[in-house]
Amino acid sequence: MSFFSRLFGGSPGGVKYVRTYTKPRMGASGPIECTYEMHRAQTAQEAREFLATKTVTKKLFYVVVETPEGNWAKDIDGLYKEG
């Protein structure tokens, strides 16, 4: 987390909330629903700093930050770059 973010609290840099939606997909035992909380940032560094402040406790819930450098996300297993 950047010094500015620690000092003033809230979301690091210019991370902006976009929307939350659910999307069905096929699981091993049938259809399942995934939930995506979408955000947008100017840099991958901002995205990673923002995601470091998030805690995900539910399976099939994803916090995603879109950046010009690619999407970064966090789920119950941790932080990753979408491939």
N, C-alpha and C. Protein backbone atom coordinates (compact mmCIF):
# COMPACT_ATOMS: atom_id res chain seq x y z
N MET A 1 0.85 -1.17 0.00
CA MET A 1 0.00 0.00 0.00
C MET A 1 0.90 1.23 0.00
N SER A 2 0.55 2.23 -0.77
CA SER A 2 1.36 3.42 -0.86
C SER A 2 1.26 4.26 0.40
N PHE A 3 2.22 5.14 0.59
CA PHE A 3 2.21 6.04 1.73
C PHE A 3 0.94 6.88 1.75
N PHE A 4 0.55 7.43 0.61
CA PHE A 4 -0.65 8.24 0.52
C PHE A 4 -1.89 7.46 0.95
N SER A 5 -2.01 6.23 0.51
CA SER A 5 -3.17 5.41 0.86
C SER A 5 -3.21 5.12 2.36
N ARG A 6 -2.03 4.83 2.93
CA ARG A 6 -1.99 4.56 4.38
C ARG A 6 -2.33 5.81 5.16
N LEU A 7 -1.85 6.96 4.70
CA LEU A 7 -2.07 8.21 5.41
C LEU A 7 -3.52 8.66 5.38
N PHE A 8 -4.15 8.55 4.22
CA PHE A 8 -5.50 9.08 4.06
C PHE A 8 -6.59 8.02 4.05
N GLY A 9 -6.22 6.73 4.03
CA GLY A 9 -7.21 5.65 4.06
C GLY A 9 -7.92 5.52 2.72
N GLY A 10 -8.85 4.55 2.67
CA GLY A 10 -9.63 4.35 1.45
C GLY A 10 -8.85 3.62 0.38
N SER A 11 -9.39 3.64 -0.82
CA SER A 11 -8.79 2.93 -1.94
C SER A 11 -7.52 3.61 -2.40
N PRO A 12 -6.47 2.84 -2.68
CA PRO A 12 -5.25 3.43 -3.21
C PRO A 12 -5.49 4.07 -4.56
N GLY A 13 -4.80 5.16 -4.80
CA GLY A 13 -4.80 5.80 -6.11
C GLY A 13 -6.17 6.04 -6.69
N GLY A 14 -6.29 5.74 -7.96
CA GLY A 14 -7.51 6.00 -8.67
C GLY A 14 -8.33 4.76 -8.95
N VAL A 15 -8.36 3.79 -8.06
CA VAL A 15 -9.16 2.59 -8.29
C VAL A 15 -10.63 2.95 -8.18
N LYS A 16 -11.38 2.64 -9.21
CA LYS A 16 -12.80 2.99 -9.27
C LYS A 16 -13.65 1.74 -9.38
N TYR A 17 -14.72 1.71 -8.60
CA TYR A 17 -15.69 0.62 -8.69
C TYR A 17 -16.45 0.73 -10.01
N VAL A 18 -16.68 -0.40 -10.68
CA VAL A 18 -17.42 -0.43 -11.94
C VAL A 18 -18.79 -1.07 -11.74
N ARG A 19 -18.81 -2.34 -11.30
CA ARG A 19 -20.08 -3.03 -11.08
C ARG A 19 -19.83 -4.40 -10.46
N THR A 20 -20.91 -4.99 -9.93
CA THR A 20 -20.88 -6.36 -9.44
C THR A 20 -21.92 -7.15 -10.22
N TYR A 21 -21.55 -8.34 -10.68
CA TYR A 21 -22.49 -9.16 -11.43
C TYR A 21 -22.22 -10.64 -11.19
N THR A 22 -23.21 -11.47 -11.48
CA THR A 22 -23.04 -12.91 -11.39
C THR A 22 -23.07 -13.49 -12.80
N LYS A 23 -22.35 -14.59 -12.96
CA LYS A 23 -22.25 -15.24 -14.26
C LYS A 23 -22.28 -16.75 -14.06
N PRO A 24 -23.19 -17.44 -14.72
CA PRO A 24 -23.21 -18.90 -14.58
C PRO A 24 -22.07 -19.55 -15.36
N ARG A 25 -21.58 -20.66 -14.83
CA ARG A 25 -20.61 -21.47 -15.57
C ARG A 25 -20.81 -22.92 -15.17
N MET A 26 -20.30 -23.82 -15.95
CA MET A 26 -20.47 -25.24 -15.71
C MET A 26 -19.41 -25.74 -14.74
N GLY A 27 -19.82 -26.33 -13.64
CA GLY A 27 -18.91 -26.94 -12.69
C GLY A 27 -18.91 -28.46 -12.88
N ALA A 28 -18.12 -29.15 -12.11
CA ALA A 28 -18.02 -30.61 -12.23
C ALA A 28 -19.35 -31.30 -11.94
N SER A 29 -20.15 -30.72 -11.05
CA SER A 29 -21.42 -31.36 -10.69
C SER A 29 -22.64 -30.60 -11.23
N GLY A 30 -22.43 -29.72 -12.21
CA GLY A 30 -23.54 -28.99 -12.81
C GLY A 30 -23.29 -27.49 -12.79
N PRO A 31 -24.32 -26.71 -13.12
CA PRO A 31 -24.15 -25.26 -13.21
C PRO A 31 -23.87 -24.63 -11.84
N ILE A 32 -22.99 -23.64 -11.84
CA ILE A 32 -22.67 -22.87 -10.64
C ILE A 32 -22.68 -21.39 -11.01
N GLU A 33 -22.80 -20.52 -10.00
CA GLU A 33 -22.79 -19.08 -10.24
C GLU A 33 -21.55 -18.46 -9.63
N CYS A 34 -20.84 -17.68 -10.43
CA CYS A 34 -19.67 -16.94 -9.96
C CYS A 34 -20.06 -15.48 -9.83
N THR A 35 -19.56 -14.80 -8.80
CA THR A 35 -19.82 -13.38 -8.60
C THR A 35 -18.53 -12.60 -8.81
N TYR A 36 -18.62 -11.53 -9.59
CA TYR A 36 -17.48 -10.69 -9.92
C TYR A 36 -17.74 -9.27 -9.46
N GLU A 37 -16.80 -8.72 -8.67
CA GLU A 37 -16.83 -7.32 -8.26
C GLU A 37 -15.76 -6.63 -9.09
N MET A 38 -16.18 -5.82 -10.04
CA MET A 38 -15.26 -5.23 -11.02
C MET A 38 -14.85 -3.82 -10.63
N HIS A 39 -13.55 -3.53 -10.83
CA HIS A 39 -12.98 -2.21 -10.58
C HIS A 39 -12.07 -1.87 -11.75
N ARG A 40 -11.63 -0.62 -11.80
CA ARG A 40 -10.71 -0.17 -12.85
C ARG A 40 -9.63 0.69 -12.21
N ALA A 41 -8.36 0.52 -12.68
CA ALA A 41 -7.23 1.30 -12.19
C ALA A 41 -6.33 1.69 -13.35
N GLN A 42 -5.50 2.69 -13.12
CA GLN A 42 -4.58 3.17 -14.16
C GLN A 42 -3.34 2.29 -14.30
N THR A 43 -2.93 1.63 -13.21
CA THR A 43 -1.71 0.82 -13.27
C THR A 43 -1.90 -0.51 -12.54
N ALA A 44 -1.05 -1.46 -12.88
CA ALA A 44 -1.07 -2.76 -12.19
C ALA A 44 -0.67 -2.59 -10.73
N GLN A 45 0.24 -1.67 -10.44
CA GLN A 45 0.66 -1.42 -9.06
C GLN A 45 -0.53 -0.94 -8.22
N GLU A 46 -1.32 -0.01 -8.74
CA GLU A 46 -2.53 0.44 -8.04
C GLU A 46 -3.47 -0.72 -7.79
N ALA A 47 -3.63 -1.57 -8.80
CA ALA A 47 -4.53 -2.73 -8.68
C ALA A 47 -4.06 -3.66 -7.57
N ARG A 48 -2.77 -3.98 -7.54
CA ARG A 48 -2.23 -4.89 -6.52
C ARG A 48 -2.36 -4.28 -5.12
N GLU A 49 -2.10 -2.99 -4.99
CA GLU A 49 -2.23 -2.33 -3.69
C GLU A 49 -3.69 -2.36 -3.21
N PHE A 50 -4.61 -2.10 -4.12
CA PHE A 50 -6.03 -2.14 -3.79
C PHE A 50 -6.45 -3.56 -3.37
N LEU A 51 -6.05 -4.55 -4.15
CA LEU A 51 -6.43 -5.93 -3.85
C LEU A 51 -5.83 -6.42 -2.53
N ALA A 52 -4.69 -5.86 -2.14
CA ALA A 52 -4.08 -6.23 -0.86
C ALA A 52 -4.97 -5.81 0.32
N THR A 53 -5.86 -4.86 0.10
CA THR A 53 -6.77 -4.40 1.16
C THR A 53 -8.05 -5.22 1.22
N LYS A 54 -8.26 -6.10 0.26
CA LYS A 54 -9.50 -6.88 0.16
C LYS A 54 -9.32 -8.27 0.76
N THR A 55 -10.37 -8.75 1.42
CA THR A 55 -10.41 -10.11 1.95
C THR A 55 -11.56 -10.84 1.27
N VAL A 56 -11.27 -11.98 0.68
CA VAL A 56 -12.31 -12.80 0.03
C VAL A 56 -12.48 -14.06 0.86
N THR A 57 -13.70 -14.31 1.32
CA THR A 57 -13.97 -15.46 2.19
C THR A 57 -14.93 -16.47 1.58
N LYS A 58 -15.45 -16.16 0.39
CA LYS A 58 -16.41 -17.06 -0.26
C LYS A 58 -15.82 -17.63 -1.53
N LYS A 59 -16.03 -18.94 -1.74
CA LYS A 59 -15.64 -19.54 -3.02
C LYS A 59 -16.50 -18.92 -4.12
N LEU A 60 -15.95 -18.87 -5.32
CA LEU A 60 -16.64 -18.37 -6.51
C LEU A 60 -16.97 -16.88 -6.44
N PHE A 61 -16.23 -16.15 -5.58
CA PHE A 61 -16.34 -14.69 -5.52
C PHE A 61 -15.00 -14.12 -5.92
N TYR A 62 -15.00 -13.20 -6.87
CA TYR A 62 -13.77 -12.66 -7.44
C TYR A 62 -13.81 -11.14 -7.41
N VAL A 63 -12.74 -10.51 -6.91
CA VAL A 63 -12.56 -9.07 -6.99
C VAL A 63 -11.56 -8.86 -8.11
N VAL A 64 -11.97 -8.15 -9.16
CA VAL A 64 -11.15 -7.98 -10.36
C VAL A 64 -10.89 -6.50 -10.60
N VAL A 65 -9.63 -6.17 -10.91
CA VAL A 65 -9.27 -4.80 -11.26
C VAL A 65 -8.70 -4.80 -12.67
N GLU A 66 -9.39 -4.12 -13.57
CA GLU A 66 -8.93 -3.99 -14.96
C GLU A 66 -7.91 -2.86 -15.04
N THR A 67 -6.77 -3.12 -15.72
CA THR A 67 -5.76 -2.09 -15.95
C THR A 67 -5.31 -2.18 -17.40
N PRO A 68 -4.67 -1.13 -17.92
CA PRO A 68 -4.12 -1.20 -19.27
C PRO A 68 -3.04 -2.29 -19.39
N GLU A 69 -2.46 -2.70 -18.26
CA GLU A 69 -1.40 -3.71 -18.24
C GLU A 69 -1.93 -5.12 -18.03
N GLY A 70 -3.24 -5.29 -18.01
CA GLY A 70 -3.86 -6.59 -17.76
C GLY A 70 -4.69 -6.56 -16.50
N ASN A 71 -5.50 -7.59 -16.31
CA ASN A 71 -6.38 -7.66 -15.15
C ASN A 71 -5.71 -8.38 -14.00
N TRP A 72 -5.87 -7.82 -12.80
CA TRP A 72 -5.43 -8.45 -11.56
C TRP A 72 -6.66 -8.80 -10.77
N ALA A 73 -6.61 -9.91 -10.03
CA ALA A 73 -7.79 -10.36 -9.31
C ALA A 73 -7.40 -11.02 -8.00
N LYS A 74 -8.41 -11.18 -7.13
CA LYS A 74 -8.23 -11.88 -5.88
C LYS A 74 -9.45 -12.74 -5.64
N ASP A 75 -9.21 -13.98 -5.23
CA ASP A 75 -10.29 -14.87 -4.84
C ASP A 75 -9.91 -15.51 -3.51
N ILE A 76 -10.63 -16.52 -3.10
CA ILE A 76 -10.37 -17.15 -1.80
C ILE A 76 -8.96 -17.72 -1.69
N ASP A 77 -8.33 -18.02 -2.83
CA ASP A 77 -6.97 -18.57 -2.84
C ASP A 77 -5.88 -17.50 -2.91
N GLY A 78 -6.24 -16.23 -3.12
CA GLY A 78 -5.25 -15.17 -3.13
C GLY A 78 -5.22 -14.34 -4.40
N LEU A 79 -4.14 -13.59 -4.53
CA LEU A 79 -3.93 -12.63 -5.62
C LEU A 79 -3.37 -13.33 -6.86
N TYR A 80 -3.83 -12.91 -8.04
CA TYR A 80 -3.28 -13.46 -9.29
C TYR A 80 -3.54 -12.50 -10.44
N LYS A 81 -2.77 -12.66 -11.51
CA LYS A 81 -2.99 -11.93 -12.75
C LYS A 81 -3.76 -12.85 -13.68
N GLU A 82 -4.84 -12.32 -14.26
CA GLU A 82 -5.61 -13.13 -15.19
C GLU A 82 -4.78 -13.39 -16.43
N GLY A 83 -4.87 -14.60 -16.91
CA GLY A 83 -4.04 -14.99 -18.02
C GLY A 83 -4.72 -15.08 -19.29
